Amino acid sequence: MNAVNPKKLLLSKWTAVRVVDKQKHFLVSDVILPELPDEKVEWVEIEAVYSGQKRRIAWAQLRDKSIWRQGWQ
């Protein structure tokens, strides 16, 4: 399991284990903050480095090593 702190996600680099829409390298471009400050972060927006396509995913998915690797590999 990747050790990921939601407060340090912004601009972190990720590599998809399986290619997603011909994209492999991603950057966390936005951390979606909850409406109430005492709630936990649930979503992040990732941006494909090559195409600039953006998508929203649950930040906890980044902890799954079968889907994501931390850094660009």
N, C-alpha and C. Protein backbone atom coordinates (compact mmCIF):
# COMPACT_ATOMS: atom_id res chain seq x y z
N MET A 1 0.84 -1.18 0.00
CA MET A 1 0.00 0.00 0.00
C MET A 1 0.89 1.24 0.00
N ASN A 2 0.60 2.19 -0.89
CA ASN A 2 1.34 3.44 -0.94
C ASN A 2 0.98 4.29 0.28
N ALA A 3 1.98 4.88 0.92
CA ALA A 3 1.72 5.78 2.04
C ALA A 3 1.40 7.15 1.47
N VAL A 4 0.15 7.57 1.59
CA VAL A 4 -0.29 8.81 0.98
C VAL A 4 -1.01 9.66 2.01
N ASN A 5 -0.56 10.87 2.18
CA ASN A 5 -1.23 11.82 3.05
C ASN A 5 -2.01 12.78 2.17
N PRO A 6 -3.34 12.91 2.36
CA PRO A 6 -4.13 13.77 1.48
C PRO A 6 -3.70 15.23 1.50
N LYS A 7 -3.03 15.67 2.57
CA LYS A 7 -2.58 17.06 2.63
C LYS A 7 -1.36 17.32 1.76
N LYS A 8 -0.68 16.25 1.34
CA LYS A 8 0.54 16.40 0.53
C LYS A 8 0.34 15.89 -0.90
N LEU A 9 -0.91 15.74 -1.32
CA LEU A 9 -1.19 15.20 -2.64
C LEU A 9 -0.98 16.18 -3.78
N LEU A 10 -1.27 17.45 -3.55
CA LEU A 10 -1.24 18.44 -4.63
C LEU A 10 0.11 18.44 -5.34
N LEU A 11 0.06 18.29 -6.66
CA LEU A 11 1.21 18.26 -7.56
C LEU A 11 2.10 17.02 -7.41
N SER A 12 1.59 16.00 -6.70
CA SER A 12 2.35 14.75 -6.61
C SER A 12 2.24 14.00 -7.94
N LYS A 13 3.25 13.19 -8.23
CA LYS A 13 3.37 12.49 -9.51
C LYS A 13 2.99 11.02 -9.32
N TRP A 14 2.27 10.47 -10.33
CA TRP A 14 1.79 9.10 -10.26
C TRP A 14 1.92 8.41 -11.62
N THR A 15 2.18 7.11 -11.57
CA THR A 15 2.23 6.29 -12.78
C THR A 15 1.14 5.23 -12.68
N ALA A 16 0.31 5.14 -13.72
CA ALA A 16 -0.72 4.12 -13.76
C ALA A 16 -0.08 2.78 -14.07
N VAL A 17 -0.45 1.74 -13.33
CA VAL A 17 0.08 0.40 -13.59
C VAL A 17 -0.40 -0.07 -14.95
N ARG A 18 -1.67 0.17 -15.25
CA ARG A 18 -2.22 -0.13 -16.58
C ARG A 18 -2.47 1.20 -17.28
N VAL A 19 -2.14 1.27 -18.53
CA VAL A 19 -2.33 2.49 -19.31
C VAL A 19 -3.81 2.87 -19.33
N VAL A 20 -4.10 4.16 -19.07
CA VAL A 20 -5.47 4.67 -19.03
C VAL A 20 -5.65 5.63 -20.20
N ASP A 21 -6.47 5.26 -21.19
CA ASP A 21 -6.70 6.10 -22.37
C ASP A 21 -5.38 6.55 -23.01
N LYS A 22 -4.46 5.62 -23.17
CA LYS A 22 -3.14 5.87 -23.75
C LYS A 22 -2.29 6.80 -22.91
N GLN A 23 -2.63 6.93 -21.64
CA GLN A 23 -1.88 7.79 -20.72
C GLN A 23 -1.31 6.93 -19.59
N LYS A 24 -0.12 7.26 -19.16
CA LYS A 24 0.52 6.50 -18.10
C LYS A 24 0.96 7.39 -16.93
N HIS A 25 1.38 8.62 -17.21
CA HIS A 25 1.90 9.51 -16.17
C HIS A 25 0.89 10.60 -15.85
N PHE A 26 0.67 10.79 -14.56
CA PHE A 26 -0.34 11.73 -14.09
C PHE A 26 0.20 12.59 -12.96
N LEU A 27 -0.44 13.74 -12.78
CA LEU A 27 -0.11 14.69 -11.74
C LEU A 27 -1.40 15.02 -11.01
N VAL A 28 -1.37 15.11 -9.69
CA VAL A 28 -2.56 15.53 -8.95
C VAL A 28 -2.66 17.04 -9.12
N SER A 29 -3.66 17.49 -9.88
CA SER A 29 -3.79 18.91 -10.19
C SER A 29 -4.69 19.65 -9.22
N ASP A 30 -5.53 18.93 -8.48
CA ASP A 30 -6.43 19.59 -7.53
C ASP A 30 -6.86 18.58 -6.47
N VAL A 31 -6.94 19.04 -5.23
CA VAL A 31 -7.48 18.26 -4.13
C VAL A 31 -8.85 18.85 -3.84
N ILE A 32 -9.90 18.04 -3.99
CA ILE A 32 -11.27 18.51 -3.79
C ILE A 32 -11.56 18.50 -2.29
N LEU A 33 -11.68 19.68 -1.72
CA LEU A 33 -11.91 19.79 -0.28
C LEU A 33 -13.39 19.59 0.04
N PRO A 34 -13.70 18.94 1.17
CA PRO A 34 -15.10 18.75 1.55
C PRO A 34 -15.74 20.07 1.96
N GLU A 35 -17.07 20.08 1.95
CA GLU A 35 -17.79 21.30 2.32
C GLU A 35 -17.57 21.67 3.78
N LEU A 36 -17.54 20.68 4.64
CA LEU A 36 -17.32 20.93 6.06
C LEU A 36 -15.85 20.68 6.40
N PRO A 37 -15.23 21.59 7.12
CA PRO A 37 -13.79 21.46 7.39
C PRO A 37 -13.39 20.25 8.22
N ASP A 38 -14.31 19.66 8.98
CA ASP A 38 -13.96 18.51 9.82
C ASP A 38 -14.10 17.18 9.07
N GLU A 39 -14.56 17.22 7.83
CA GLU A 39 -14.67 16.00 7.02
C GLU A 39 -13.35 15.72 6.31
N LYS A 40 -13.16 14.47 5.92
CA LYS A 40 -11.93 14.06 5.26
C LYS A 40 -11.99 14.31 3.76
N VAL A 41 -10.83 14.51 3.17
CA VAL A 41 -10.72 14.65 1.72
C VAL A 41 -11.07 13.30 1.10
N GLU A 42 -11.94 13.31 0.09
CA GLU A 42 -12.33 12.06 -0.58
C GLU A 42 -11.92 12.02 -2.04
N TRP A 43 -11.80 13.16 -2.70
CA TRP A 43 -11.58 13.21 -4.14
C TRP A 43 -10.38 14.06 -4.51
N VAL A 44 -9.72 13.65 -5.58
CA VAL A 44 -8.66 14.46 -6.18
C VAL A 44 -8.88 14.49 -7.68
N GLU A 45 -8.33 15.49 -8.31
CA GLU A 45 -8.37 15.58 -9.77
C GLU A 45 -6.97 15.30 -10.27
N ILE A 46 -6.86 14.31 -11.18
CA ILE A 46 -5.56 14.00 -11.75
C ILE A 46 -5.54 14.45 -13.20
N GLU A 47 -4.36 14.86 -13.63
CA GLU A 47 -4.18 15.36 -15.00
C GLU A 47 -3.12 14.53 -15.70
N ALA A 48 -3.45 14.04 -16.89
CA ALA A 48 -2.47 13.30 -17.68
C ALA A 48 -1.39 14.27 -18.15
N VAL A 49 -0.15 13.90 -17.97
CA VAL A 49 0.96 14.78 -18.31
C VAL A 49 1.02 15.05 -19.81
N TYR A 50 0.84 14.03 -20.61
CA TYR A 50 1.00 14.17 -22.06
C TYR A 50 -0.15 14.93 -22.71
N SER A 51 -1.39 14.55 -22.39
CA SER A 51 -2.55 15.15 -23.08
C SER A 51 -3.22 16.28 -22.31
N GLY A 52 -3.01 16.34 -21.01
CA GLY A 52 -3.68 17.36 -20.20
C GLY A 52 -5.10 16.99 -19.82
N GLN A 53 -5.55 15.77 -20.18
CA GLN A 53 -6.89 15.34 -19.80
C GLN A 53 -6.98 15.23 -18.28
N LYS A 54 -8.13 15.66 -17.75
CA LYS A 54 -8.34 15.61 -16.31
C LYS A 54 -9.47 14.65 -15.98
N ARG A 55 -9.34 14.02 -14.81
CA ARG A 55 -10.40 13.15 -14.31
C ARG A 55 -10.40 13.18 -12.79
N ARG A 56 -11.55 12.93 -12.21
CA ARG A 56 -11.69 12.93 -10.75
C ARG A 56 -11.70 11.48 -10.28
N ILE A 57 -10.89 11.21 -9.26
CA ILE A 57 -10.85 9.87 -8.67
C ILE A 57 -10.87 10.00 -7.15
N ALA A 58 -11.22 8.93 -6.48
CA ALA A 58 -11.14 8.89 -5.02
C ALA A 58 -9.66 8.87 -4.64
N TRP A 59 -9.25 9.73 -3.74
CA TRP A 59 -7.82 9.81 -3.42
C TRP A 59 -7.31 8.51 -2.83
N ALA A 60 -8.17 7.74 -2.18
CA ALA A 60 -7.75 6.48 -1.58
C ALA A 60 -7.31 5.47 -2.64
N GLN A 61 -7.75 5.62 -3.89
CA GLN A 61 -7.31 4.72 -4.97
C GLN A 61 -5.80 4.80 -5.16
N LEU A 62 -5.22 5.95 -4.89
CA LEU A 62 -3.79 6.12 -5.08
C LEU A 62 -2.98 5.24 -4.12
N ARG A 63 -3.63 4.76 -3.08
CA ARG A 63 -2.94 3.89 -2.11
C ARG A 63 -2.83 2.45 -2.60
N ASP A 64 -3.57 2.10 -3.64
CA ASP A 64 -3.59 0.74 -4.16
C ASP A 64 -2.46 0.54 -5.17
N LYS A 65 -1.45 -0.25 -4.79
CA LYS A 65 -0.28 -0.46 -5.66
C LYS A 65 -0.60 -1.27 -6.91
N SER A 66 -1.76 -1.91 -6.96
CA SER A 66 -2.11 -2.65 -8.16
C SER A 66 -2.67 -1.71 -9.23
N ILE A 67 -2.96 -0.45 -8.85
CA ILE A 67 -3.50 0.55 -9.79
C ILE A 67 -2.49 1.66 -10.04
N TRP A 68 -1.85 2.16 -8.99
CA TRP A 68 -0.96 3.33 -9.09
C TRP A 68 0.39 3.08 -8.44
N ARG A 69 1.41 3.69 -9.01
CA ARG A 69 2.76 3.73 -8.42
C ARG A 69 3.12 5.19 -8.18
N GLN A 70 3.67 5.48 -7.03
CA GLN A 70 4.04 6.86 -6.71
C GLN A 70 5.28 7.24 -7.50
N GLY A 71 5.27 8.44 -8.07
CA GLY A 71 6.37 8.91 -8.90
C GLY A 71 6.17 8.52 -10.35
N TRP A 72 7.08 8.94 -11.21
CA TRP A 72 7.02 8.59 -12.63
C TRP A 72 8.02 7.50 -12.90
N GLN A 73 7.54 6.39 -13.41
CA GLN A 73 8.41 5.24 -13.63
C GLN A 73 8.34 4.80 -15.06
